[in-house]
C-alpha atoms as a PDB file:
ATOM      1  CA  MET A   1     115.987 128.998 173.053  1.00  0.00           C
ATOM      2  CA  LEU A   2     118.004 127.422 170.272  1.00  0.00           C
ATOM      3  CA  SER A   3     119.039 129.668 167.344  1.00  0.00           C
ATOM      4  CA  LYS A   4     119.189 128.507 164.017  1.00  0.00           C
ATOM      5  CA  GLU A   5     122.457 129.247 162.020  1.00  0.00           C
ATOM      6  CA  ARG A   6     121.915 129.518 158.369  1.00  0.00           C
ATOM      7  CA  VAL A   7     124.088 126.723 156.807  1.00  0.00           C
ATOM      8  CA  LYS A   8     125.440 128.015 153.520  1.00  0.00           C
ATOM      9  CA  GLU A   9     124.804 125.736 150.393  1.00  0.00           C
ATOM     10  CA  ARG A  10     127.429 123.188 149.017  1.00  0.00           C
ATOM     11  CA  THR A  11     128.950 124.667 145.974  1.00  0.00           C
ATOM     12  CA  LYS A  12     128.278 122.270 143.011  1.00  0.00           C
ATOM     13  CA  ILE A  13     130.153 120.135 141.537  1.00  0.00           C
ATOM     14  CA  TRP A  14     130.021 117.667 138.714  1.00  0.00           C
ATOM     15  CA  LEU A  15     128.053 115.225 140.785  1.00  0.00           C
ATOM     16  CA  ASP A  16     125.312 117.822 141.156  1.00  0.00           C
ATOM     17  CA  LYS A  17     125.310 118.566 137.293  1.00  0.00           C
ATOM     18  CA  GLU A  18     123.594 116.151 134.481  1.00  0.00           C
ATOM     19  CA  LEU A  19     125.249 113.337 134.220  1.00  0.00           C
ATOM     20  CA  LYS A  20     127.751 113.047 131.243  1.00  0.00           C
ATOM     21  CA  ASN A  21     130.388 110.621 130.330  1.00  0.00           C
ATOM     22  CA  TRP A  22     133.865 112.164 130.240  1.00  0.00           C
ATOM     23  CA  ASN A  23     135.361 108.877 129.355  1.00  0.00           C
ATOM     24  CA  ASP A  24     135.839 108.162 125.715  1.00  0.00           C
ATOM     25  CA  ILE A  25     137.107 105.321 123.542  1.00  0.00           C
ATOM     26  CA  GLY A  26     140.816 105.554 122.859  1.00  0.00           C
ATOM     27  CA  LYS A  27     141.366 108.087 125.478  1.00  0.00           C
ATOM     28  CA  MET A  28     144.755 108.336 126.814  1.00  0.00           C
ATOM     29  CA  ILE A  29     145.631 107.895 130.497  1.00  0.00           C
ATOM     30  CA  PRO A  30     145.374 111.655 131.690  1.00  0.00           C
ATOM     31  CA  ASN A  31     148.931 113.313 132.735  1.00  0.00           C
ATOM     32  CA  ALA A  32     149.300 113.803 136.521  1.00  0.00           C
ATOM     33  CA  PRO A  33     148.802 117.308 137.785  1.00  0.00           C
ATOM     34  CA  LYS A  34     151.523 119.358 139.294  1.00  0.00           C
ATOM     35  CA  ILE A  35     151.399 119.504 143.062  1.00  0.00           C
ATOM     36  CA  ASP A  36     153.529 121.803 145.213  1.00  0.00           C
ATOM     37  CA  ALA A  37     155.492 118.927 147.059  1.00  0.00           C
ATOM     38  CA  ASP A  38     157.063 119.512 150.683  1.00  0.00           C
ATOM     39  CA  LEU A  39     159.721 117.233 150.388  1.00  0.00           C
ATOM     40  CA  PRO A  40     160.081 116.227 153.987  1.00  0.00           C
ATOM     41  CA  THR A  41     156.792 115.186 153.896  1.00  0.00           C
ATOM     42  CA  VAL A  42     157.221 113.524 150.279  1.00  0.00           C
ATOM     43  CA  ASP A  43     159.985 111.331 152.092  1.00  0.00           C
ATOM     44  CA  ARG A  44     157.900 110.486 154.820  1.00  0.00           C
ATOM     45  CA  CYS A  45     154.932 109.427 153.111  1.00  0.00           C
ATOM     46  CA  LYS A  46     156.940 107.194 150.731  1.00  0.00           C
ATOM     47  CA  ASN A  47     156.082 103.771 152.359  1.00  0.00           C
ATOM     48  CA  GLN A  48     152.268 104.357 150.802  1.00  0.00           C
ATOM     49  CA  ILE A  49     153.673 104.232 147.463  1.00  0.00           C
ATOM     50  CA  ARG A  50     153.559 101.124 145.239  1.00  0.00           C
ATOM     51  CA  GLU A  51     155.887 100.062 142.371  1.00  0.00           C
ATOM     52  CA  ALA A  52     154.947  99.450 139.115  1.00  0.00           C
ATOM     53  CA  LYS A  53     154.366  95.440 138.829  1.00  0.00           C
ATOM     54  CA  THR A  54     151.973  95.266 135.477  1.00  0.00           C
ATOM     55  CA  PRO A  55     151.724  96.720 132.155  1.00  0.00           C
ATOM     56  CA  GLN A  56     148.645  99.017 133.286  1.00  0.00           C
ATOM     57  CA  GLU A  57     150.558 100.150 136.468  1.00  0.00           C
ATOM     58  CA  ARG A  58     153.695 101.106 134.148  1.00  0.00           C
ATOM     59  CA  SER A  59     151.155 102.822 131.934  1.00  0.00           C
ATOM     60  CA  ILE A  60     149.944 105.108 134.807  1.00  0.00           C
ATOM     61  CA  ILE A  61     153.486 105.892 136.089  1.00  0.00           C
ATOM     62  CA  LYS A  62     154.505 106.784 132.701  1.00  0.00           C
ATOM     63  CA  ALA A  63     151.846 109.534 132.911  1.00  0.00           C
ATOM     64  CA  GLY A  64     153.554 110.853 135.980  1.00  0.00           C
ATOM     65  CA  TRP A  65     151.320 109.388 138.640  1.00  0.00           C
ATOM     66  CA  GLU A  66     152.407 107.425 142.053  1.00  0.00           C
ATOM     67  CA  LEU A  67     150.665 104.396 142.783  1.00  0.00           C
ATOM     68  CA  PHE A  68     148.955 104.200 146.032  1.00  0.00           C
ATOM     69  CA  GLY A  69     146.496 101.171 147.536  1.00  0.00           C
ATOM     70  CA  PRO A  70     145.688  97.975 146.420  1.00  0.00           C
ATOM     71  CA  GLN A  71     144.325  97.183 143.004  1.00  0.00           C
ATOM     72  CA  GLN A  72     140.844  95.723 142.500  1.00  0.00           C
ATOM     73  CA  ILE A  73     140.614  92.818 140.343  1.00  0.00           C
ATOM     74  CA  TYR A  74     137.492  90.858 138.968  1.00  0.00           C
ATOM     75  CA  ASN A  75     138.446  88.852 135.939  1.00  0.00           C
ATOM     76  CA  GLU A  76     139.863  91.215 133.643  1.00  0.00           C
ATOM     77  CA  THR A  77     138.908  94.365 134.963  1.00  0.00           C
ATOM     78  CA  ILE A  78     141.212  96.217 137.121  1.00  0.00           C
ATOM     79  CA  VAL A  79     140.825  99.294 139.119  1.00  0.00           C
ATOM     80  CA  ILE A  80     144.228 100.954 140.324  1.00  0.00           C
ATOM     81  CA  THR A  81     144.458 104.193 142.449  1.00  0.00           C
ATOM     82  CA  ALA A  82     147.406 106.802 141.987  1.00  0.00           C
ATOM     83  CA  MET A  83     147.928 110.185 142.984  1.00  0.00           C
ATOM     84  CA  SER A  84     150.369 113.194 142.232  1.00  0.00           C
ATOM     85  CA  GLY A  85     151.218 114.195 145.901  1.00  0.00           C
ATOM     86  CA  VAL A  86     150.290 113.971 149.493  1.00  0.00           C
ATOM     87  CA  ASP A  87     149.296 116.518 152.202  1.00  0.00           C
ATOM     88  CA  GLY A  88     151.178 116.601 155.502  1.00  0.00           C
ATOM     89  CA  MET A  89     149.533 113.932 156.865  1.00  0.00           C
ATOM     90  CA  CYS A  90     150.342 111.572 153.885  1.00  0.00           C
ATOM     91  CA  ARG A  91     146.605 112.052 152.424  1.00  0.00           C
ATOM     92  CA  PRO A  92     146.491 111.866 148.617  1.00  0.00           C
ATOM     93  CA  LEU A  93     146.395 114.788 146.508  1.00  0.00           C
ATOM     94  CA  GLY A  94     145.599 114.923 142.993  1.00  0.00           C
ATOM     95  CA  TYR A  95     144.528 111.547 142.852  1.00  0.00           C
ATOM     96  CA  GLN A  96     142.410 109.303 140.400  1.00  0.00           C
ATOM     97  CA  ALA A  97     141.134 105.913 139.945  1.00  0.00           C
ATOM     98  CA  PHE A  98     141.640 104.285 136.648  1.00  0.00           C
ATOM     99  CA  VAL A  99     139.829 101.316 135.398  1.00  0.00           C
ATOM    100  CA  PHE A 100     141.178  98.744 132.734  1.00  0.00           C
ATOM    101  CA  VAL A 101     139.978  95.894 130.900  1.00  0.00           C
ATOM    102  CA  GLY A 102     142.908  93.348 130.461  1.00  0.00           C
ATOM    103  CA  GLU A 103     145.693  96.179 129.089  1.00  0.00           C
ATOM    104  CA  GLN A 104     142.858  98.693 127.669  1.00  0.00           C
ATOM    105  CA  PHE A 105     142.387 101.700 129.429  1.00  0.00           C
ATOM    106  CA  ALA A 106     138.632 102.204 130.097  1.00  0.00           C
ATOM    107  CA  GLY A 107     138.483 104.980 131.784  1.00  0.00           C
ATOM    108  CA  THR A 108     138.488 107.174 135.224  1.00  0.00           C
ATOM    109  CA  LEU A 109     136.227 107.480 138.073  1.00  0.00           C
ATOM    110  CA  SER A 110     136.159 110.993 138.301  1.00  0.00           C
ATOM    111  CA  PRO A 111     136.371 113.869 135.492  1.00  0.00           C
ATOM    112  CA  GLN A 112     139.268 115.323 137.238  1.00  0.00           C
ATOM    113  CA  PRO A 113     141.941 114.657 139.965  1.00  0.00           C
ATOM    114  CA  MET A 114     140.349 114.672 143.630  1.00  0.00           C
ATOM    115  CA  ASN A 115     142.207 115.751 146.621  1.00  0.00           C
ATOM    116  CA  SER A 116     141.377 113.903 150.134  1.00  0.00           C
ATOM    117  CA  ARG A 117     139.053 115.715 152.237  1.00  0.00           C
ATOM    118  CA  THR A 118     137.133 117.652 149.664  1.00  0.00           C
ATOM    119  CA  ASP A 119     133.909 117.468 148.110  1.00  0.00           C
ATOM    120  CA  GLY A 120     133.666 114.459 145.624  1.00  0.00           C
ATOM    121  CA  ASP A 121     136.539 112.656 147.300  1.00  0.00           C
ATOM    122  CA  ILE A 122     136.110 108.787 146.468  1.00  0.00           C
ATOM    123  CA  SER A 123     134.964 107.163 149.780  1.00  0.00           C
ATOM    124  CA  ARG A 124     134.770 103.495 148.552  1.00  0.00           C
ATOM    125  CA  ILE A 125     134.986 101.515 145.153  1.00  0.00           C
ATOM    126  CA  PHE A 126     132.861  98.129 144.718  1.00  0.00           C
ATOM    127  CA  LEU A 127     134.023  96.249 141.825  1.00  0.00           C
ATOM    128  CA  ASN A 128     130.732  94.267 141.844  1.00  0.00           C
ATOM    129  CA  ASN A 129     131.639  91.935 138.875  1.00  0.00           C
ATOM    130  CA  SER A 130     133.622  92.391 135.665  1.00  0.00           C
ATOM    131  CA  SER A 131     131.351  95.039 134.059  1.00  0.00           C
ATOM    132  CA  ASP A 132     129.720  97.131 137.249  1.00  0.00           C
ATOM    133  CA  LEU A 133     131.191  99.072 139.714  1.00  0.00           C
ATOM    134  CA  LEU A 134     129.502 101.369 142.675  1.00  0.00           C
ATOM    135  CA  VAL A 135     131.844 104.207 143.809  1.00  0.00           C
ATOM    136  CA  GLU A 136     130.959 106.428 146.785  1.00  0.00           C
ATOM    137  CA  TYR A 137     131.858 109.784 146.862  1.00  0.00           C
ATOM    138  CA  LYS A 138     132.425 111.872 150.064  1.00  0.00           C
ATOM    139  CA  ARG A 139     130.240 115.200 149.919  1.00  0.00           C
ATOM    140  CA  TYR A 140     130.968 118.149 152.222  1.00  0.00           C
ATOM    141  CA  ASP A 141     128.792 120.936 153.096  1.00  0.00           C
ATOM    142  CA  ASN A 142     130.577 124.181 153.407  1.00  0.00           C
ATOM    143  CA  ASN A 143     130.400 124.173 157.122  1.00  0.00           C
ATOM    144  CA  ASP A 144     131.140 120.314 157.554  1.00  0.00           C
ATOM    145  CA  PRO A 145     134.488 119.649 159.540  1.00  0.00           C
ATOM    146  CA  LEU A 146     137.212 117.895 157.158  1.00  0.00           C
ATOM    147  CA  CYS A 147     136.845 114.967 159.316  1.00  0.00           C
ATOM    148  CA  CYS A 148     133.394 114.530 158.698  1.00  0.00           C
ATOM    149  CA  PRO A 149     131.204 114.650 155.240  1.00  0.00           C
ATOM    150  CA  SER A 150     127.723 115.048 155.803  1.00  0.00           C
ATOM    151  CA  ALA A 151     126.747 112.975 153.043  1.00  0.00           C
ATOM    152  CA  ILE A 152     127.503 110.321 150.595  1.00  0.00           C
ATOM    153  CA  SER A 153     126.656 110.319 146.738  1.00  0.00           C
ATOM    154  CA  ARG A 154     126.772 107.028 145.265  1.00  0.00           C
ATOM    155  CA  LEU A 155     127.375 106.648 141.440  1.00  0.00           C
ATOM    156  CA  SER A 156     127.068 103.228 139.647  1.00  0.00           C
ATOM    157  CA  PHE A 157     129.291 102.579 136.260  1.00  0.00           C
ATOM    158  CA  LYS A 158     129.233 100.438 133.569  1.00  0.00           C
ATOM    159  CA  ILE A 159     131.942  98.957 131.193  1.00  0.00           C
ATOM    160  CA  GLU A 160     130.834  98.251 128.017  1.00  0.00           C
ATOM    161  CA  PRO A 161     132.718  96.908 124.724  1.00  0.00           C
ATOM    162  CA  LYS A 162     132.587 100.114 122.091  1.00  0.00           C
ATOM    163  CA  ASN A 163     134.489  99.141 118.801  1.00  0.00           C
ATOM    164  CA  ALA A 164     136.270  96.348 120.481  1.00  0.00           C
ATOM    165  CA  GLN A 165     137.659  98.538 122.872  1.00  0.00           C
ATOM    166  CA  PRO A 166     136.069  98.740 126.700  1.00  0.00           C
ATOM    167  CA  LEU A 167     134.379 102.110 127.826  1.00  0.00           C
ATOM    168  CA  LEU A 168     133.611 103.185 131.316  1.00  0.00           C
ATOM    169  CA  SER A 169     130.454 104.832 131.539  1.00  0.00           C
ATOM    170  CA  PRO A 170     128.639 106.539 134.801  1.00  0.00           C
ATOM    171  CA  VAL A 171     125.145 105.322 134.570  1.00  0.00           C
ATOM    172  CA  ARG A 172     123.293 106.526 137.401  1.00  0.00           C
ATOM    173  CA  LEU A 173     123.559 108.655 140.608  1.00  0.00           C
ATOM    174  CA  LEU A 174     121.722 106.449 143.228  1.00  0.00           C
ATOM    175  CA  ASP A 175     121.297 108.516 146.174  1.00  0.00           C
ATOM    176  CA  ASN A 176     122.711 111.240 148.070  1.00  0.00           C
ATOM    177  CA  SER A 177     122.498 110.228 151.854  1.00  0.00           C
END
């Protein structure tokens, strides 16, 4: 006979609540959070940090972030990922994804910085065209091993001009699978 263990319910995060836009017109790039860094780890992981080549990347670095991963570009729309630190396996900690239209900051893909292997960590970003994005977020239940989230939440975003400035807005949580 198999025993049924009671699975503790996932702690609610922003993806489980009413969808509200955390981005606003004219909002500045948020400052990077302070991460307690182990210097040998930071030195070992330096090969994944990119140098700033564009005005958008320089503005992110000016706010204290370190660039990692590739840019995604569709016409004038650019998605750039940046982090505050790394864990012992060089995975990003205190990271964020920034969206620009031209040189104008449109918003972020999460209301707060994320950590790898935690609930709400970005899995994949799809820049479908210059105004539509789809983002997959990893969803961990309390009993999930850190390697393997039990679900994915997909959130669609739209970039719309507001008062001659771009505004990134979450539109719809498509599903939790």
